Amino acid sequence: MKKLLYSFLILSSATLFAQQKNPAVKFAVADNAIGTVELFNAKKNILQVSKVYNTPASLPQGLKKYSSVFTKGVTEYKFKNGENTLDRMSLSNINAQYNIPADNPVFIEGYEFTDTSTMIYPEIKKRAETKDHNGKKALFIYTTE
C-alpha cells in the first residue's frame, strides 16, 4: 500500500510540475539569444526568418543544448543588416537583478534553463517573480501579462 501511495504522490507531483510549462509559448532564436516568435514578428523590419526546425532532432549543433526546451521545434531569425540592434542579457545577469545567485536556474514560461550563461532578449519578460524551487530561490519569467 505504501508503494502505491508513494507512486501516486510522485506521479502527481511530476504531473503538477509538467503543467506549469506553457505549451503556447513559441521560442525563437536570433544571434544565439533566445526570444519568442511574438517578439521577433514585431521586429520584422530588422529581422527575417532564416530557418524553422520542427523537431529537437533537426536542431543544429549550436541549439541542441536547448532540445529539452525546444520540444516543438524553434524558429531561427537573422538580422537583415547583419547587425544585432536589440539588447541581450545573460540569465545570470537577470538573476543578479533579482538578488538571486547567478548560477541558479531560471524558468521561462515553466521551461527550466540551467545554463545561466544563456543569452535572452529581456524584452520577452512581461512579468517575473521569485519562487522557491527545490530549496533554492529561482526566477520565473513570463512572456505574457
Protein backbone atom coordinates (compact mmCIF):
# COMPACT_ATOMS: atom_id res chain seq x y z
CA MET A 1 0.00 0.00 0.00
CA LYS A 2 2.86 2.36 0.81
CA LYS A 3 4.43 1.76 -2.60
CA LEU A 4 1.15 2.58 -4.28
CA LEU A 5 0.80 5.78 -2.26
CA TYR A 6 4.39 6.86 -2.97
CA SER A 7 3.97 6.11 -6.67
CA PHE A 8 0.81 8.19 -6.75
CA LEU A 9 2.49 11.11 -4.96
CA ILE A 10 5.50 11.05 -7.29
CA LEU A 11 3.28 10.85 -10.36
CA SER A 12 1.07 13.66 -9.05
CA SER A 13 4.00 15.97 -8.33
CA ALA A 14 5.54 15.25 -11.74
CA THR A 15 2.22 15.95 -13.43
CA LEU A 16 1.73 19.14 -11.46
CA PHE A 17 5.22 20.35 -12.34
CA ALA A 18 4.74 19.49 -16.02
CA GLN A 19 1.53 21.51 -16.10
CA GLN A 20 3.48 24.66 -15.27
CA LYS A 21 5.02 24.68 -18.75
CA ASN A 22 3.21 26.90 -21.17
CA PRO A 23 2.87 24.96 -24.44
CA ALA A 24 1.57 28.07 -26.19
CA VAL A 25 4.91 29.87 -25.97
CA LYS A 26 6.86 29.68 -29.22
CA PHE A 27 10.55 30.17 -28.59
CA ALA A 28 12.78 31.58 -31.28
CA VAL A 29 16.48 32.32 -31.62
CA ALA A 30 18.37 35.22 -33.20
CA ASP A 31 22.08 35.88 -32.92
CA ASN A 32 22.45 32.99 -30.43
CA ALA A 33 19.99 34.53 -27.97
CA ILE A 34 16.53 33.28 -27.07
CA GLY A 35 13.38 35.24 -27.68
CA THR A 36 9.87 34.46 -28.79
CA VAL A 37 8.25 34.35 -32.21
CA GLU A 38 5.92 37.10 -30.99
CA LEU A 39 8.85 39.41 -30.17
CA PHE A 40 10.64 38.76 -33.45
CA ASN A 41 7.48 39.14 -35.54
CA ALA A 42 7.09 42.59 -34.01
CA LYS A 43 10.60 43.41 -35.29
CA LYS A 44 10.06 42.32 -38.91
CA ASN A 45 11.70 45.49 -40.14
CA ILE A 46 15.10 44.31 -38.83
CA LEU A 47 14.65 40.51 -38.73
CA GLN A 48 13.80 37.79 -41.19
CA VAL A 49 13.11 34.08 -40.76
CA SER A 50 16.21 32.10 -41.56
CA LYS A 51 15.14 28.53 -40.82
CA VAL A 52 12.44 26.63 -38.97
CA TYR A 53 13.40 23.46 -37.11
CA ASN A 54 10.33 21.34 -36.45
CA THR A 55 11.78 18.72 -34.13
CA PRO A 56 14.53 18.63 -31.50
CA ALA A 57 16.38 16.07 -33.63
CA SER A 58 16.67 18.55 -36.52
CA LEU A 59 18.30 21.27 -34.40
CA PRO A 60 21.79 22.36 -35.46
CA GLN A 61 24.66 21.64 -33.07
CA GLY A 62 24.59 25.14 -31.54
CA LEU A 63 20.94 24.75 -30.48
CA LYS A 64 20.99 21.09 -29.35
CA LYS A 65 21.68 22.15 -25.75
CA TYR A 66 18.14 23.60 -25.74
CA SER A 67 16.46 20.46 -27.11
CA SER A 68 14.57 19.97 -23.83
CA VAL A 69 13.08 23.45 -24.23
CA PHE A 70 12.54 23.41 -27.99
CA THR A 71 10.41 20.26 -27.88
CA LYS A 72 8.14 21.56 -30.64
CA GLY A 73 11.00 22.94 -32.67
CA VAL A 74 12.21 26.51 -32.97
CA THR A 75 12.38 29.31 -35.50
CA GLU A 76 15.75 30.88 -36.17
CA TYR A 77 15.85 34.51 -37.26
CA LYS A 78 18.64 36.54 -38.86
CA PHE A 79 19.15 40.27 -38.72
CA LYS A 80 18.57 41.84 -42.13
CA ASN A 81 21.55 44.17 -41.93
CA GLY A 82 23.70 41.53 -40.23
CA GLU A 83 23.97 43.58 -37.06
CA ASN A 84 22.05 42.95 -33.85
CA THR A 85 20.44 46.16 -32.56
CA LEU A 86 18.40 44.53 -29.77
CA ASP A 87 19.52 44.33 -26.14
CA ARG A 88 20.66 40.91 -24.96
CA MET A 89 21.31 39.74 -21.44
CA SER A 90 22.53 36.55 -19.80
CA LEU A 91 20.25 34.75 -17.39
CA SER A 92 22.93 35.10 -14.69
CA ASN A 93 22.74 38.91 -15.03
CA ILE A 94 18.96 38.79 -14.80
CA ASN A 95 19.26 36.63 -11.67
CA ALA A 96 21.57 39.27 -10.17
CA GLN A 97 18.91 41.95 -10.75
CA TYR A 98 16.55 39.94 -8.55
CA ASN A 99 19.20 39.19 -5.88
CA ILE A 100 19.33 35.53 -6.85
CA PRO A 101 22.66 33.66 -7.08
CA ALA A 102 23.93 33.85 -10.67
CA ASP A 103 24.07 30.08 -11.15
CA ASN A 104 20.51 29.32 -10.01
CA PRO A 105 18.28 28.06 -12.83
CA VAL A 106 15.77 30.37 -14.49
CA PHE A 107 12.33 29.28 -15.65
CA ILE A 108 10.82 30.90 -18.73
CA GLU A 109 7.14 30.01 -19.06
CA GLY A 110 7.83 26.90 -16.97
CA TYR A 111 10.79 25.69 -19.05
CA GLU A 112 13.94 25.33 -16.97
CA PHE A 113 17.18 26.90 -18.15
CA THR A 114 20.04 25.55 -16.04
CA ASP A 115 22.82 27.19 -18.09
CA THR A 116 22.68 30.77 -16.85
CA SER A 117 25.21 31.90 -19.45
CA THR A 118 22.29 31.56 -21.89
CA MET A 119 21.55 34.86 -23.57
CA ILE A 120 17.97 36.08 -23.94
CA TYR A 121 16.25 39.20 -25.20
CA PRO A 122 14.95 40.83 -22.00
CA GLU A 123 12.02 42.31 -23.97
CA ILE A 124 10.30 38.92 -23.72
CA LYS A 125 9.88 39.43 -19.97
CA LYS A 126 6.43 40.85 -19.31
CA ARG A 127 6.34 39.67 -15.71
CA ALA A 128 8.73 37.93 -13.32
CA GLU A 129 8.61 36.51 -9.83
CA THR A 130 10.90 34.67 -7.49
CA LYS A 131 9.86 31.33 -6.06
CA ASP A 132 11.41 28.52 -4.11
CA HIS A 133 12.42 25.61 -6.36
CA ASN A 134 13.99 22.54 -4.74
CA GLY A 135 15.14 24.64 -1.79
CA LYS A 136 16.72 27.32 -3.98
CA LYS A 137 15.46 30.74 -4.89
CA ALA A 138 14.61 30.77 -8.62
CA LEU A 139 13.39 33.36 -11.09
CA PHE A 140 10.25 32.61 -13.09
CA ILE A 141 9.81 34.74 -16.23
CA TYR A 142 6.50 35.03 -18.07
CA THR A 143 6.16 36.31 -21.64
CA THR A 144 2.54 37.37 -21.22
CA GLU A 145 0.90 39.73 -18.73
